Amino acid sequence: MTKWDKYLIFFIILSSIIGFSIVRSDIGKSDYKYIKIAVDGKVIKKITFDKNMIGKTIDIRTQYGYNKIEIGDGKVRVIDADCPDKLDVKQGWISKSGEIIVCLPHKLTIEIVGENEADDEIDGISY
């Protein structure tokens, strides 16, 4: 291995670390975030993060089952559910735009949506 090979390997590793940190810092950046709750693909509730919402719990009862969510300071989690595996409860808090909690038996999705996201637009990665 020559000296230039070592420089090349070092440059590739350094570029990877810098690229990863840039991408990681851009994920979840949004001044305005809200919670989108959908059952069977249909949005049933949109909840904005607000100071008076901190600590509130919301019951979600559908024909598929029962879930109870808790809203924190810019974050949300499922605290109770009557599904058999309770994977949605075990997932814990989500706080960044694009993060999602899914309860398959109840066909429930809880997603944090940021201001910059749009359902109809193609993002730079997909394009």
N, C-alpha and C. Protein backbone atom coordinates (compact mmCIF):
# COMPACT_ATOMS: atom_id res chain seq x y z
N MET A 1 0.85 -1.17 0.00
CA MET A 1 0.00 0.00 0.00
C MET A 1 0.90 1.23 0.00
N THR A 2 0.65 2.10 -0.96
CA THR A 2 1.49 3.29 -1.09
C THR A 2 0.96 4.42 -0.21
N LYS A 3 1.73 5.47 -0.17
CA LYS A 3 1.35 6.64 0.60
C LYS A 3 0.06 7.26 0.05
N TRP A 4 -0.10 7.26 -1.26
CA TRP A 4 -1.28 7.85 -1.90
C TRP A 4 -2.53 7.02 -1.63
N ASP A 5 -2.37 5.70 -1.51
CA ASP A 5 -3.51 4.85 -1.15
C ASP A 5 -4.03 5.20 0.25
N LYS A 6 -3.10 5.43 1.15
CA LYS A 6 -3.49 5.80 2.51
C LYS A 6 -4.21 7.15 2.53
N TYR A 7 -3.71 8.12 1.73
CA TYR A 7 -4.37 9.42 1.63
C TYR A 7 -5.78 9.26 1.06
N LEU A 8 -5.93 8.41 0.05
CA LEU A 8 -7.23 8.19 -0.57
C LEU A 8 -8.22 7.57 0.43
N ILE A 9 -7.78 6.58 1.17
CA ILE A 9 -8.64 5.95 2.17
C ILE A 9 -9.04 6.96 3.24
N PHE A 10 -8.09 7.75 3.71
CA PHE A 10 -8.39 8.77 4.71
C PHE A 10 -9.39 9.79 4.17
N PHE A 11 -9.21 10.22 2.92
CA PHE A 11 -10.12 11.19 2.31
C PHE A 11 -11.53 10.63 2.18
N ILE A 12 -11.68 9.36 1.79
CA ILE A 12 -12.99 8.73 1.64
C ILE A 12 -13.69 8.63 3.00
N ILE A 13 -12.97 8.21 4.02
CA ILE A 13 -13.55 8.10 5.36
C ILE A 13 -13.97 9.47 5.88
N LEU A 14 -13.12 10.47 5.70
CA LEU A 14 -13.43 11.82 6.15
C LEU A 14 -14.65 12.38 5.41
N SER A 15 -14.72 12.16 4.10
CA SER A 15 -15.87 12.63 3.31
C SER A 15 -17.15 11.95 3.77
N SER A 16 -17.08 10.68 4.09
CA SER A 16 -18.26 9.94 4.56
C SER A 16 -18.76 10.50 5.89
N ILE A 17 -17.86 10.76 6.79
CA ILE A 17 -18.24 11.30 8.10
C ILE A 17 -18.85 12.69 7.97
N ILE A 18 -18.26 13.53 7.13
CA ILE A 18 -18.80 14.88 6.93
C ILE A 18 -20.17 14.81 6.26
N GLY A 19 -20.32 13.98 5.24
CA GLY A 19 -21.60 13.83 4.56
C GLY A 19 -22.69 13.31 5.49
N PHE A 20 -22.35 12.32 6.30
CA PHE A 20 -23.31 11.77 7.25
C PHE A 20 -23.75 12.82 8.26
N SER A 21 -22.83 13.62 8.75
CA SER A 21 -23.20 14.64 9.74
C SER A 21 -24.07 15.73 9.12
N ILE A 22 -23.84 16.07 7.86
CA ILE A 22 -24.68 17.08 7.19
C ILE A 22 -26.10 16.55 7.01
N VAL A 23 -26.22 15.32 6.53
CA VAL A 23 -27.54 14.73 6.33
C VAL A 23 -28.26 14.59 7.66
N ARG A 24 -27.56 14.15 8.66
CA ARG A 24 -28.16 13.95 9.99
C ARG A 24 -28.66 15.27 10.59
N SER A 25 -27.94 16.36 10.35
CA SER A 25 -28.35 17.64 10.91
C SER A 25 -29.56 18.21 10.18
N ASP A 26 -29.77 17.84 8.92
CA ASP A 26 -30.93 18.34 8.17
C ASP A 26 -32.21 17.56 8.46
N ILE A 27 -32.10 16.33 8.93
CA ILE A 27 -33.28 15.51 9.20
C ILE A 27 -34.03 16.08 10.40
N GLY A 28 -35.30 16.26 10.22
CA GLY A 28 -36.13 16.69 11.35
C GLY A 28 -36.12 18.18 11.60
N LYS A 29 -35.44 18.96 10.74
CA LYS A 29 -35.43 20.41 10.95
C LYS A 29 -36.71 21.00 10.41
N SER A 30 -37.46 21.59 11.27
CA SER A 30 -38.68 22.28 10.88
C SER A 30 -39.14 23.11 12.06
N ASP A 31 -39.52 24.34 11.78
CA ASP A 31 -40.01 25.21 12.85
C ASP A 31 -41.43 24.84 13.25
N TYR A 32 -42.21 24.40 12.29
CA TYR A 32 -43.61 24.07 12.55
C TYR A 32 -43.82 22.58 12.33
N LYS A 33 -44.16 21.85 13.38
CA LYS A 33 -44.43 20.43 13.28
C LYS A 33 -45.81 20.14 13.85
N TYR A 34 -46.44 19.11 13.31
CA TYR A 34 -47.70 18.67 13.86
C TYR A 34 -47.79 17.15 13.79
N ILE A 35 -48.75 16.61 14.51
CA ILE A 35 -48.95 15.16 14.57
C ILE A 35 -50.11 14.82 13.64
N LYS A 36 -49.88 13.84 12.78
CA LYS A 36 -50.93 13.37 11.88
C LYS A 36 -51.29 11.95 12.28
N ILE A 37 -52.54 11.75 12.68
CA ILE A 37 -53.01 10.43 13.10
C ILE A 37 -53.94 9.90 12.02
N ALA A 38 -53.63 8.70 11.52
CA ALA A 38 -54.44 8.10 10.46
C ALA A 38 -54.81 6.68 10.84
N VAL A 39 -56.02 6.29 10.47
CA VAL A 39 -56.48 4.92 10.67
C VAL A 39 -56.88 4.38 9.30
N ASP A 40 -56.30 3.26 8.93
CA ASP A 40 -56.57 2.62 7.65
C ASP A 40 -56.30 3.57 6.48
N GLY A 41 -55.27 4.40 6.63
CA GLY A 41 -54.87 5.32 5.58
C GLY A 41 -55.64 6.64 5.54
N LYS A 42 -56.65 6.81 6.34
CA LYS A 42 -57.44 8.03 6.36
C LYS A 42 -57.08 8.87 7.58
N VAL A 43 -56.75 10.12 7.35
CA VAL A 43 -56.38 11.03 8.45
C VAL A 43 -57.62 11.30 9.30
N ILE A 44 -57.48 11.01 10.59
CA ILE A 44 -58.61 11.27 11.49
C ILE A 44 -58.36 12.47 12.40
N LYS A 45 -57.08 12.83 12.60
CA LYS A 45 -56.77 13.95 13.48
C LYS A 45 -55.42 14.56 13.10
N LYS A 46 -55.36 15.88 13.22
CA LYS A 46 -54.10 16.60 13.11
C LYS A 46 -53.98 17.44 14.37
N ILE A 47 -52.86 17.27 15.08
CA ILE A 47 -52.67 17.96 16.35
C ILE A 47 -51.38 18.77 16.26
N THR A 48 -51.48 20.05 16.52
CA THR A 48 -50.28 20.89 16.52
C THR A 48 -49.63 20.84 17.90
N PHE A 49 -48.32 20.93 17.89
CA PHE A 49 -47.59 21.00 19.16
C PHE A 49 -47.80 22.40 19.73
N ASP A 50 -48.27 22.44 20.96
CA ASP A 50 -48.57 23.71 21.61
C ASP A 50 -48.23 23.57 23.09
N LYS A 51 -47.98 24.67 23.74
CA LYS A 51 -47.62 24.64 25.16
C LYS A 51 -48.73 24.03 26.01
N ASN A 52 -49.99 24.29 25.65
CA ASN A 52 -51.08 23.74 26.46
C ASN A 52 -51.37 22.27 26.14
N MET A 53 -50.71 21.70 25.15
CA MET A 53 -50.89 20.28 24.80
C MET A 53 -49.91 19.38 25.55
N ILE A 54 -48.89 19.95 26.16
CA ILE A 54 -47.86 19.15 26.86
C ILE A 54 -48.51 18.39 28.01
N GLY A 55 -48.31 17.09 28.03
CA GLY A 55 -48.85 16.24 29.07
C GLY A 55 -50.26 15.74 28.81
N LYS A 56 -50.89 16.16 27.73
CA LYS A 56 -52.24 15.72 27.41
C LYS A 56 -52.23 14.30 26.85
N THR A 57 -53.28 13.56 27.14
CA THR A 57 -53.46 12.24 26.56
C THR A 57 -54.71 12.25 25.70
N ILE A 58 -54.64 11.50 24.62
CA ILE A 58 -55.76 11.43 23.68
C ILE A 58 -56.10 9.97 23.45
N ASP A 59 -57.37 9.63 23.63
CA ASP A 59 -57.84 8.27 23.37
C ASP A 59 -58.25 8.17 21.91
N ILE A 60 -57.82 7.09 21.28
CA ILE A 60 -58.19 6.83 19.90
C ILE A 60 -58.92 5.49 19.88
N ARG A 61 -60.22 5.56 19.70
CA ARG A 61 -61.05 4.35 19.65
C ARG A 61 -61.60 4.21 18.23
N THR A 62 -61.31 3.07 17.62
CA THR A 62 -61.80 2.79 16.28
C THR A 62 -62.42 1.40 16.27
N GLN A 63 -62.92 1.01 15.12
CA GLN A 63 -63.49 -0.34 15.00
C GLN A 63 -62.43 -1.42 15.13
N TYR A 64 -61.15 -1.04 14.97
CA TYR A 64 -60.05 -1.99 15.06
C TYR A 64 -59.50 -2.15 16.47
N GLY A 65 -59.69 -1.15 17.33
CA GLY A 65 -59.17 -1.24 18.69
C GLY A 65 -58.97 0.11 19.34
N TYR A 66 -58.23 0.08 20.45
CA TYR A 66 -58.04 1.26 21.31
C TYR A 66 -56.56 1.56 21.47
N ASN A 67 -56.20 2.83 21.32
CA ASN A 67 -54.85 3.31 21.60
C ASN A 67 -54.97 4.61 22.37
N LYS A 68 -53.99 4.86 23.24
CA LYS A 68 -53.95 6.10 24.01
C LYS A 68 -52.58 6.73 23.77
N ILE A 69 -52.56 7.98 23.29
CA ILE A 69 -51.29 8.64 23.03
C ILE A 69 -51.08 9.77 24.03
N GLU A 70 -49.81 10.08 24.27
CA GLU A 70 -49.43 11.17 25.16
C GLU A 70 -48.58 12.14 24.37
N ILE A 71 -48.85 13.42 24.55
CA ILE A 71 -48.12 14.46 23.84
C ILE A 71 -47.18 15.15 24.82
N GLY A 72 -45.92 15.25 24.43
CA GLY A 72 -44.92 15.92 25.25
C GLY A 72 -44.49 17.22 24.59
N ASP A 73 -43.36 17.74 25.00
CA ASP A 73 -42.82 18.98 24.46
C ASP A 73 -42.16 18.69 23.11
N GLY A 74 -42.94 18.74 22.05
CA GLY A 74 -42.43 18.46 20.71
C GLY A 74 -42.27 16.99 20.42
N LYS A 75 -42.91 16.13 21.17
CA LYS A 75 -42.79 14.69 20.97
C LYS A 75 -44.11 14.01 21.31
N VAL A 76 -44.24 12.76 20.87
CA VAL A 76 -45.47 12.01 21.09
C VAL A 76 -45.12 10.53 21.24
N ARG A 77 -45.97 9.81 21.98
CA ARG A 77 -45.78 8.36 22.15
C ARG A 77 -47.13 7.71 22.43
N VAL A 78 -47.18 6.40 22.24
CA VAL A 78 -48.36 5.61 22.60
C VAL A 78 -48.11 5.06 23.98
N ILE A 79 -49.03 5.29 24.92
CA ILE A 79 -48.82 4.81 26.29
C ILE A 79 -49.67 3.60 26.63
N ASP A 80 -50.72 3.35 25.84
CA ASP A 80 -51.55 2.19 26.10
C ASP A 80 -52.24 1.75 24.81
N ALA A 81 -52.40 0.44 24.67
CA ALA A 81 -53.09 -0.11 23.51
C ALA A 81 -53.62 -1.48 23.87
N ASP A 82 -54.69 -1.89 23.19
CA ASP A 82 -55.22 -3.22 23.47
C ASP A 82 -54.82 -4.25 22.40
N CYS A 83 -53.78 -3.93 21.62
CA CYS A 83 -53.28 -4.90 20.65
C CYS A 83 -52.43 -5.95 21.37
N PRO A 84 -52.30 -7.15 20.80
CA PRO A 84 -51.62 -8.23 21.52
C PRO A 84 -50.12 -8.03 21.72
N ASP A 85 -49.41 -7.46 20.75
CA ASP A 85 -47.95 -7.36 20.87
C ASP A 85 -47.46 -6.06 21.51
N LYS A 86 -48.25 -5.00 21.46
CA LYS A 86 -47.93 -3.69 22.04
C LYS A 86 -46.59 -3.13 21.55
N LEU A 87 -46.25 -3.37 20.29
CA LEU A 87 -45.01 -2.83 19.74
C LEU A 87 -45.06 -1.31 19.64
N ASP A 88 -46.24 -0.74 19.44
CA ASP A 88 -46.36 0.71 19.38
C ASP A 88 -46.08 1.35 20.73
N VAL A 89 -46.44 0.69 21.80
CA VAL A 89 -46.16 1.20 23.15
C VAL A 89 -44.66 1.10 23.44
N LYS A 90 -44.05 0.00 23.02
CA LYS A 90 -42.63 -0.23 23.27
C LYS A 90 -41.73 0.70 22.47
N GLN A 91 -42.24 1.28 21.39
CA GLN A 91 -41.41 2.14 20.54
C GLN A 91 -40.96 3.41 21.26
N GLY A 92 -41.80 3.95 22.12
CA GLY A 92 -41.42 5.13 22.89
C GLY A 92 -41.70 6.43 22.15
N TRP A 93 -40.96 7.47 22.54
CA TRP A 93 -41.18 8.83 22.02
C TRP A 93 -40.66 8.96 20.59
N ILE A 94 -41.36 9.74 19.78
CA ILE A 94 -40.85 10.21 18.49
C ILE A 94 -40.92 11.73 18.51
N SER A 95 -39.93 12.38 17.89
CA SER A 95 -39.90 13.84 17.97
C SER A 95 -39.46 14.53 16.68
N LYS A 96 -38.94 13.81 15.71
CA LYS A 96 -38.42 14.42 14.49
C LYS A 96 -39.41 14.26 13.35
N SER A 97 -39.39 15.22 12.44
CA SER A 97 -40.24 15.14 11.26
C SER A 97 -39.93 13.87 10.48
N GLY A 98 -40.97 13.17 10.08
CA GLY A 98 -40.80 11.94 9.32
C GLY A 98 -40.83 10.69 10.16
N GLU A 99 -40.67 10.81 11.48
CA GLU A 99 -40.75 9.62 12.34
C GLU A 99 -42.20 9.19 12.45
N ILE A 100 -42.39 7.88 12.64
CA ILE A 100 -43.74 7.35 12.61
C ILE A 100 -43.87 6.18 13.59
N ILE A 101 -45.03 6.09 14.22
CA ILE A 101 -45.39 4.95 15.07
C ILE A 101 -46.52 4.23 14.35
N VAL A 102 -46.40 2.91 14.23
CA VAL A 102 -47.40 2.13 13.52
C VAL A 102 -47.93 1.03 14.43
N CYS A 103 -49.24 0.88 14.45
CA CYS A 103 -49.89 -0.24 15.13
C CYS A 103 -50.63 -1.02 14.05
N LEU A 104 -50.04 -2.11 13.60
CA LEU A 104 -50.62 -2.88 12.50
C LEU A 104 -51.98 -3.50 12.82
N PRO A 105 -52.17 -4.10 14.01
CA PRO A 105 -53.49 -4.69 14.27
C PRO A 105 -54.63 -3.67 14.23
N HIS A 106 -54.33 -2.42 14.59
CA HIS A 106 -55.36 -1.38 14.62
C HIS A 106 -55.34 -0.49 13.38
N LYS A 107 -54.42 -0.77 12.46
CA LYS A 107 -54.26 0.01 11.22
C LYS A 107 -54.05 1.49 11.53
N LEU A 108 -53.29 1.78 12.59
CA LEU A 108 -53.08 3.13 13.08
C LEU A 108 -51.66 3.59 12.76
N THR A 109 -51.53 4.82 12.27
CA THR A 109 -50.22 5.44 12.10
C THR A 109 -50.23 6.81 12.77
N ILE A 110 -49.16 7.10 13.50
CA ILE A 110 -48.98 8.40 14.14
C ILE A 110 -47.67 8.94 13.60
N GLU A 111 -47.75 10.04 12.88
CA GLU A 111 -46.58 10.57 12.19
C GLU A 111 -46.36 12.02 12.57
N ILE A 112 -45.10 12.41 12.68
CA ILE A 112 -44.77 13.82 12.89
C ILE A 112 -44.44 14.40 11.52
N VAL A 113 -45.19 15.43 11.16
CA VAL A 113 -45.04 16.06 9.86
C VAL A 113 -44.46 17.45 10.06
N GLY A 114 -43.45 17.79 9.28
CA GLY A 114 -42.82 19.11 9.37
C GLY A 114 -43.37 20.05 8.32
N GLU A 115 -43.05 21.31 8.50
CA GLU A 115 -43.54 22.37 7.62
C GLU A 115 -43.10 22.19 6.18
N ASN A 116 -41.91 21.69 5.95
CA ASN A 116 -41.35 21.60 4.61
C ASN A 116 -41.84 20.40 3.83
N GLU A 117 -42.55 19.49 4.46
CA GLU A 117 -43.00 18.29 3.78
C GLU A 117 -44.29 18.55 3.04
N ALA A 118 -44.41 17.94 1.87
CA ALA A 118 -45.66 18.02 1.10
C ALA A 118 -45.92 16.64 0.52
N ASP A 119 -47.15 16.21 0.56
CA ASP A 119 -47.48 14.87 0.09
C ASP A 119 -47.38 14.74 -1.43
N ASP A 120 -47.62 15.83 -2.16
CA ASP A 120 -47.68 15.75 -3.61
C ASP A 120 -46.32 15.95 -4.28
N GLU A 121 -45.39 16.57 -3.60
CA GLU A 121 -44.14 16.94 -4.24
C GLU A 121 -43.14 15.80 -4.23
N ILE A 122 -42.26 15.83 -5.22
CA ILE A 122 -41.17 14.87 -5.30
C ILE A 122 -39.97 15.51 -4.63
N ASP A 123 -39.35 14.79 -3.72
CA ASP A 123 -38.19 15.35 -3.05
C ASP A 123 -36.94 15.15 -3.91
N GLY A 124 -35.85 15.76 -3.48
CA GLY A 124 -34.61 15.71 -4.24
C GLY A 124 -34.02 14.32 -4.37
N ILE A 125 -34.26 13.48 -3.40
CA ILE A 125 -33.70 12.13 -3.44
C ILE A 125 -34.49 11.26 -4.42
N SER A 126 -35.80 11.37 -4.42
CA SER A 126 -36.64 10.56 -5.30
C SER A 126 -36.52 10.99 -6.75
N TYR A 127 -36.27 12.26 -6.97
CA TYR A 127 -36.23 12.80 -8.32
C TYR A 127 -34.99 12.29 -8.99
